[in-house]
Amino acid sequence: MLLPAVAAGMMMIGTQAEAAAPQLAVAAEVAAGSQDAAPSVPPADPAPAAQALAAPPDPQGDAAQDIVVTGDKGAPKGDPLEQLNAKSFEAVQSVDKAVVEPVAKAYNKGLPRPVRKGLRNFFSNLGEPVVAAAYLLQFKPGKAFETAGRFGVNTTLGFVGLFDVAKRKPFNLPHRDNGIANTLGFYGVGPGPYMYLPIVGPTTLRDIIGDTADKMILPFALGGKFFKPAYVIPATILNQLGERAAFDETITAIRKEDDPYTVYKTLYLKQRQAEIDALHGRVSAEPVIPIYGDAIPTPGKKDAPKVVLPDPYGDDDAAEPATDAPQ
């Protein structure tokens, strides 16, 4: 009686026969077993078996599950706004190529080098009171008086700073980079996040604070007449144009790099750190390629020597100078 029932059950399964084969085999074996075997067990319902085979594997089962996590590497240390900064850098460079660069090249070709150098000396001399004030805040009165003397010599004998007489004999008073931002760094204040801003260019949070303080000191040192819009606007344009013209060879080399944004940022941060290290009497073993300030040489008629840029992905420990030197 059991075999006909099993046959009838197999016919009713139809297309599910293959999926339920294991359960049907067990039922047939039990039915055909000897009298000494265990009591017969009714055949299992094939539907749950088919559902079990069709269902996806249980993630909580014994099989190991691989977890793959994907995502971006993230912004580098010290540059949390990297994507925004890179976009700002790209936009500024596009405007520079279209507008500023042709003017800077014409400026270099149209004006003799002594004239261009004299204008840069003039604007540099206006900043000497800030340098002297910064040395006082760093408790370096000797350097402060030397800077004040330099300002006096160039303002008088150098025709309001057009000629840098103070760096020559018998004075031997060279220009030194300093300011409130350097003072903050001298006392251990970190640079904070790096930023690349339109008009301002490369900077950090510490430098923005320091540069703002510098601009507040100058009116007290030079008098308010130097800070009226009629003077400030053309003077600022002329000063920035002169520096941009001197920087032309370097920025051209930077743009040829695979990652010009990172190269530009690296050069800026290394120059800033080198200035602060100098206040502690330390000199970096690596050469510093200036991208701002008086350290950029004023180009002459002949082509400037080829600028060799460092690897921006190499050693970035600019804060750790290799050698010490007396200040």
Protein backbone atom coordinates (compact mmCIF):
# COMPACT_ATOMS: atom_id res chain seq x y z
CA MET A 1 0.00 0.00 0.00
CA LEU A 2 2.88 2.34 0.65
CA LEU A 3 4.49 2.03 -2.79
CA PRO A 4 1.38 3.08 -4.73
CA ALA A 5 1.01 6.01 -2.36
CA VAL A 6 4.60 7.04 -2.96
CA ALA A 7 4.11 6.79 -6.73
CA ALA A 8 1.00 8.90 -6.54
CA GLY A 9 2.84 11.49 -4.47
CA MET A 10 5.64 11.64 -7.04
CA MET A 11 3.17 12.27 -9.84
CA MET A 12 1.59 15.14 -7.86
CA ILE A 13 4.94 16.85 -7.33
CA GLY A 14 5.41 17.36 -11.09
CA THR A 15 8.09 19.92 -11.81
CA GLN A 16 9.22 19.98 -8.13
CA ALA A 17 10.34 16.34 -8.22
CA GLU A 18 14.00 17.13 -8.74
CA ALA A 19 14.13 19.63 -5.88
CA ALA A 20 12.36 17.20 -3.46
CA ALA A 21 14.31 14.07 -4.49
CA PRO A 22 16.21 13.67 -1.20
CA GLN A 23 13.04 13.65 0.89
CA LEU A 24 11.27 11.15 -1.44
CA ALA A 25 14.25 8.82 -1.36
CA VAL A 26 14.14 8.72 2.43
CA ALA A 27 10.42 7.95 2.37
CA ALA A 28 10.87 5.09 -0.12
CA GLU A 29 13.71 3.57 1.89
CA VAL A 30 11.66 3.61 5.06
CA ALA A 31 8.71 1.98 3.27
CA ALA A 32 10.85 -0.85 1.87
CA GLY A 33 12.80 -1.47 5.07
CA SER A 34 12.74 -4.73 7.07
CA GLN A 35 10.35 -5.47 9.93
CA ASP A 36 13.16 -4.78 12.46
CA ALA A 37 13.62 -1.20 11.25
CA ALA A 38 12.35 1.80 13.14
CA PRO A 39 8.75 2.84 12.66
CA SER A 40 8.06 4.35 9.28
CA VAL A 41 8.23 8.09 8.92
CA PRO A 42 5.78 9.85 6.64
CA PRO A 43 7.31 11.57 3.63
CA ALA A 44 8.23 15.20 4.08
CA ASP A 45 6.37 17.91 2.30
CA PRO A 46 8.44 18.86 -0.80
CA ALA A 47 7.32 22.48 -0.86
CA PRO A 48 9.44 23.68 2.08
CA ALA A 49 12.44 21.88 0.59
CA ALA A 50 12.02 23.67 -2.70
CA GLN A 51 11.65 26.98 -0.87
CA ALA A 52 14.78 26.27 1.14
CA LEU A 53 16.78 25.59 -2.01
CA ALA A 54 15.48 28.72 -3.67
CA ALA A 55 16.09 30.99 -0.66
CA PRO A 56 19.37 32.98 -0.41
CA PRO A 57 22.03 31.76 2.03
CA ASP A 58 21.65 32.87 5.61
CA PRO A 59 24.24 35.58 6.37
CA GLN A 60 24.31 34.32 9.95
CA GLY A 61 25.26 30.79 8.85
CA ASP A 62 28.54 29.02 9.26
CA ALA A 63 29.96 30.27 5.96
CA ALA A 64 32.38 33.19 6.39
CA GLN A 65 31.20 36.45 4.89
CA ASP A 66 33.71 38.89 3.36
CA ILE A 67 33.08 42.56 4.20
CA VAL A 68 34.47 45.02 1.66
CA VAL A 69 34.67 48.68 2.65
CA THR A 70 35.34 51.24 -0.03
CA GLY A 71 35.79 54.98 0.22
CA ASP A 72 38.04 57.95 -0.50
CA LYS A 73 41.42 58.29 1.20
CA GLY A 74 40.42 61.63 2.67
CA ALA A 75 42.10 65.03 2.82
CA PRO A 76 45.80 65.10 3.75
CA LYS A 77 46.95 66.28 7.14
CA GLY A 78 46.96 70.06 7.43
CA ASP A 79 44.74 70.52 4.37
CA PRO A 80 41.18 69.56 5.36
CA LEU A 81 39.76 71.77 2.60
CA GLU A 82 41.90 70.20 -0.11
CA GLN A 83 39.13 69.75 -2.68
CA LEU A 84 37.88 73.32 -2.24
CA ASN A 85 41.42 74.69 -2.22
CA ALA A 86 42.32 72.79 -5.38
CA LYS A 87 39.27 74.18 -7.17
CA SER A 88 40.15 77.69 -6.02
CA PHE A 89 43.75 77.21 -7.19
CA GLU A 90 42.58 75.99 -10.58
CA ALA A 91 40.20 78.94 -11.02
CA VAL A 92 42.82 81.50 -9.99
CA GLN A 93 45.40 79.99 -12.34
CA SER A 94 42.93 80.13 -15.21
CA VAL A 95 42.38 83.84 -14.62
CA ASP A 96 46.10 84.37 -14.17
CA LYS A 97 46.92 82.71 -17.50
CA ALA A 98 44.32 84.76 -19.33
CA VAL A 99 44.87 88.18 -17.73
CA VAL A 100 47.71 88.56 -15.22
CA GLU A 101 50.44 86.55 -16.93
CA PRO A 102 50.45 88.59 -20.18
CA VAL A 103 50.60 91.81 -18.16
CA ALA A 104 53.42 90.43 -15.99
CA LYS A 105 55.45 89.43 -19.05
CA ALA A 106 54.91 92.86 -20.59
CA TYR A 107 55.95 94.41 -17.27
CA ASN A 108 59.19 92.45 -17.30
CA LYS A 109 59.96 93.35 -20.90
CA GLY A 110 58.78 96.97 -20.80
CA LEU A 111 60.53 98.18 -17.64
CA PRO A 112 64.30 97.97 -17.07
CA ARG A 113 65.35 95.72 -14.22
CA PRO A 114 66.65 98.63 -12.03
CA VAL A 115 63.20 100.22 -12.17
CA ARG A 116 61.41 96.97 -11.29
CA LYS A 117 63.90 96.24 -8.52
CA GLY A 118 63.57 99.77 -7.17
CA LEU A 119 59.78 99.48 -6.92
CA ARG A 120 60.08 96.19 -5.07
CA ASN A 121 62.63 97.76 -2.70
CA PHE A 122 60.23 100.63 -2.01
CA PHE A 123 57.35 98.37 -0.96
CA SER A 124 59.66 96.11 1.02
CA ASN A 125 61.00 99.11 2.93
CA LEU A 126 57.47 100.09 3.96
CA GLY A 127 57.17 96.76 5.76
CA GLU A 128 60.33 97.15 7.87
CA PRO A 129 58.48 98.69 10.88
CA VAL A 130 56.41 95.52 11.14
CA VAL A 131 59.59 93.42 11.07
CA ALA A 132 61.08 95.54 13.87
CA ALA A 133 57.89 95.25 15.96
CA ALA A 134 57.90 91.48 15.52
CA TYR A 135 61.47 91.25 16.79
CA LEU A 136 60.51 93.23 19.87
CA LEU A 137 57.67 90.81 20.57
CA GLN A 138 60.20 87.97 20.27
CA PHE A 139 62.48 89.71 22.80
CA LYS A 140 65.19 90.29 20.22
CA PRO A 141 65.93 94.01 20.74
CA GLY A 142 69.21 93.84 18.81
CA LYS A 143 67.49 92.63 15.65
CA ALA A 144 64.70 95.15 16.20
CA PHE A 145 67.15 98.08 16.34
CA GLU A 146 69.04 96.78 13.31
CA THR A 147 65.78 96.64 11.35
CA ALA A 148 64.83 100.14 12.49
CA GLY A 149 68.26 101.36 11.41
CA ARG A 150 67.84 99.66 8.05
CA PHE A 151 64.51 101.43 7.59
CA GLY A 152 66.05 104.79 8.43
CA VAL A 153 69.04 104.35 6.11
CA ASN A 154 66.99 103.22 3.12
CA THR A 155 64.30 105.84 3.65
CA THR A 156 66.88 108.65 3.64
CA LEU A 157 69.99 107.60 1.75
CA GLY A 158 68.06 105.12 -0.40
CA PHE A 159 65.55 107.71 -1.64
CA VAL A 160 62.46 106.46 0.26
CA GLY A 161 63.60 102.89 -0.14
CA LEU A 162 64.09 102.72 -3.91
CA PHE A 163 67.70 101.66 -3.32
CA ASP A 164 68.72 99.09 -0.73
CA VAL A 165 71.72 100.98 0.58
CA ALA A 166 71.51 99.45 4.05
CA LYS A 167 72.58 95.96 2.93
CA ARG A 168 75.88 97.29 1.57
CA LYS A 169 79.00 98.40 3.37
CA PRO A 170 79.47 100.03 5.79
CA PHE A 171 75.97 99.25 7.14
CA ASN A 172 75.64 95.53 6.34
CA LEU A 173 72.00 95.39 7.39
CA PRO A 174 70.25 92.73 5.27
CA HIS A 175 66.51 92.39 4.98
CA ARG A 176 64.96 89.72 7.21
CA ASP A 177 61.50 88.25 6.86
CA ASN A 178 59.42 88.58 10.00
CA GLY A 179 55.96 89.56 11.14
CA ILE A 180 53.21 88.77 13.61
CA ALA A 181 52.47 85.43 11.93
CA ASN A 182 56.14 84.49 12.34
CA THR A 183 55.95 85.59 15.96
CA LEU A 184 53.05 83.24 16.57
CA GLY A 185 55.04 80.43 14.98
CA PHE A 186 58.09 81.39 17.04
CA TYR A 187 56.09 80.77 20.20
CA GLY A 188 54.86 77.42 18.99
CA VAL A 189 51.51 78.26 17.40
CA GLY A 190 50.90 75.82 14.56
CA PRO A 191 49.94 76.97 11.08
CA GLY A 192 46.44 75.53 11.25
CA PRO A 193 44.57 74.50 8.11
CA TYR A 194 46.06 75.43 4.76
CA MET A 195 43.91 77.55 2.46
CA TYR A 196 44.19 78.86 -1.08
CA LEU A 197 42.04 81.97 -1.39
CA PRO A 198 41.30 84.20 -4.38
CA ILE A 199 43.36 87.43 -4.30
CA VAL A 200 45.12 86.33 -1.08
CA GLY A 201 46.63 83.17 -2.57
CA PRO A 202 48.25 80.50 -0.38
CA THR A 203 47.88 81.00 3.35
CA THR A 204 47.05 79.34 6.65
CA LEU A 205 44.83 80.31 9.55
CA ARG A 206 47.85 81.53 11.51
CA ASP A 207 49.07 83.60 8.55
CA ILE A 208 45.69 85.24 8.03
CA ILE A 209 45.62 86.35 11.66
CA GLY A 210 49.21 87.53 11.54
CA ASP A 211 48.88 89.41 8.24
CA THR A 212 45.78 91.20 9.54
CA ALA A 213 47.74 92.32 12.61
CA ASP A 214 50.59 93.50 10.37
CA LYS A 215 48.23 95.75 8.45
CA MET A 216 47.00 97.25 11.72
CA ILE A 217 50.55 98.11 12.83
CA LEU A 218 51.60 99.95 9.66
CA PRO A 219 49.26 102.96 10.01
CA PHE A 220 50.75 103.72 13.44
CA ALA A 221 54.30 103.42 12.11
CA LEU A 222 53.94 105.24 8.81
CA GLY A 223 51.00 107.55 9.36
CA GLY A 224 47.47 107.43 8.05
CA LYS A 225 48.22 109.19 4.75
CA PHE A 226 49.76 105.99 3.40
CA PHE A 227 46.50 104.13 3.92
CA LYS A 228 44.01 106.24 2.06
CA PRO A 229 42.28 104.49 -0.86
CA ALA A 230 43.90 106.85 -3.36
CA TYR A 231 47.28 105.43 -2.37
CA VAL A 232 46.47 101.93 -1.15
CA ILE A 233 44.69 100.67 -4.28
CA PRO A 234 47.30 101.60 -6.93
CA ALA A 235 50.18 100.78 -4.58
CA THR A 236 48.78 97.33 -3.86
CA ILE A 237 48.25 96.61 -7.56
CA LEU A 238 51.76 97.77 -8.45
CA ASN A 239 53.31 95.80 -5.60
CA GLN A 240 51.47 92.58 -6.49
CA LEU A 241 52.25 93.02 -10.17
CA GLY A 242 55.96 93.42 -9.44
CA GLU A 243 56.01 90.28 -7.31
CA ARG A 244 53.99 88.33 -9.88
CA ALA A 245 56.40 89.41 -12.63
CA ALA A 246 59.35 88.22 -10.57
CA PHE A 247 57.56 84.93 -9.90
CA ASP A 248 56.79 84.24 -13.56
CA GLU A 249 59.52 81.65 -14.19
CA THR A 250 58.66 79.67 -11.07
CA ILE A 251 54.90 79.56 -11.63
CA THR A 252 55.51 78.43 -15.21
CA ALA A 253 57.59 75.53 -13.92
CA ILE A 254 54.97 74.64 -11.30
CA ARG A 255 52.22 74.44 -13.91
CA LYS A 256 54.18 71.82 -15.82
CA GLU A 257 54.11 69.46 -12.84
CA ASP A 258 51.64 66.56 -12.64
CA ASP A 259 50.07 68.01 -9.49
CA PRO A 260 50.74 71.76 -9.50
CA TYR A 261 48.44 72.40 -6.53
CA THR A 262 50.42 70.10 -4.24
CA VAL A 263 53.75 71.47 -5.46
CA TYR A 264 52.62 75.05 -4.83
CA LYS A 265 51.34 74.20 -1.36
CA THR A 266 54.54 72.35 -0.46
CA LEU A 267 56.76 75.24 -1.51
CA TYR A 268 54.69 77.75 0.45
CA LEU A 269 54.65 75.74 3.67
CA LYS A 270 58.39 75.03 3.45
CA GLN A 271 59.20 78.71 2.96
CA ARG A 272 57.01 79.67 5.90
CA GLN A 273 58.61 77.06 8.14
CA ALA A 274 62.11 78.08 7.05
CA GLU A 275 61.43 81.66 8.18
CA ILE A 276 60.28 80.51 11.61
CA ASP A 277 63.22 78.11 11.92
CA ALA A 278 65.57 81.01 11.19
CA LEU A 279 64.19 82.84 14.23
CA HIS A 280 65.45 79.91 16.33
CA GLY A 281 68.83 79.89 14.58
CA ARG A 282 68.09 76.79 12.54
CA VAL A 283 68.77 76.39 8.84
CA SER A 284 67.11 73.73 6.72
CA ALA A 285 69.44 71.49 4.73
CA GLU A 286 67.06 71.56 1.77
CA PRO A 287 67.07 74.66 -0.45
CA VAL A 288 63.96 76.80 -0.22
CA ILE A 289 62.40 77.92 -3.48
CA PRO A 290 60.64 81.22 -2.68
CA ILE A 291 57.15 81.80 -4.01
CA TYR A 292 56.49 85.13 -2.30
CA GLY A 293 58.30 88.11 -0.83
CA ASP A 294 61.69 89.70 -1.31
CA ALA A 295 63.39 86.33 -1.65
CA ILE A 296 62.08 86.01 -5.22
CA PRO A 297 64.85 87.46 -7.42
CA THR A 298 63.90 90.18 -9.85
CA PRO A 299 64.52 88.75 -13.34
CA GLY A 300 66.88 90.49 -15.73
CA LYS A 301 66.89 90.70 -19.52
CA LYS A 302 68.29 87.21 -19.93
CA ASP A 303 66.25 84.14 -19.21
CA ALA A 304 66.36 83.09 -15.58
CA PRO A 305 68.01 79.75 -14.78
CA LYS A 306 65.73 76.74 -14.93
CA VAL A 307 63.72 76.26 -11.77
CA VAL A 308 64.14 72.78 -10.26
CA LEU A 309 61.16 71.89 -8.10
CA PRO A 310 61.27 69.37 -5.25
CA ASP A 311 59.15 66.23 -5.11
CA PRO A 312 55.93 67.23 -3.29
CA TYR A 313 55.39 63.62 -2.20
CA GLY A 314 58.82 63.26 -0.65
CA ASP A 315 59.86 64.24 2.84
CA ASP A 316 57.41 66.86 4.07
CA ASP A 317 58.98 67.27 7.48
CA ALA A 318 59.85 70.89 6.79
CA ALA A 319 59.34 71.64 10.48
CA GLU A 320 62.42 69.58 11.36
CA PRO A 321 65.52 71.37 10.08
CA ALA A 322 68.58 69.28 9.46
CA THR A 323 71.20 71.63 10.82
CA ASP A 324 71.54 74.42 13.31
CA ALA A 325 73.25 77.71 12.64
CA PRO A 326 73.88 80.73 14.85
CA GLN A 327 71.36 83.52 14.38
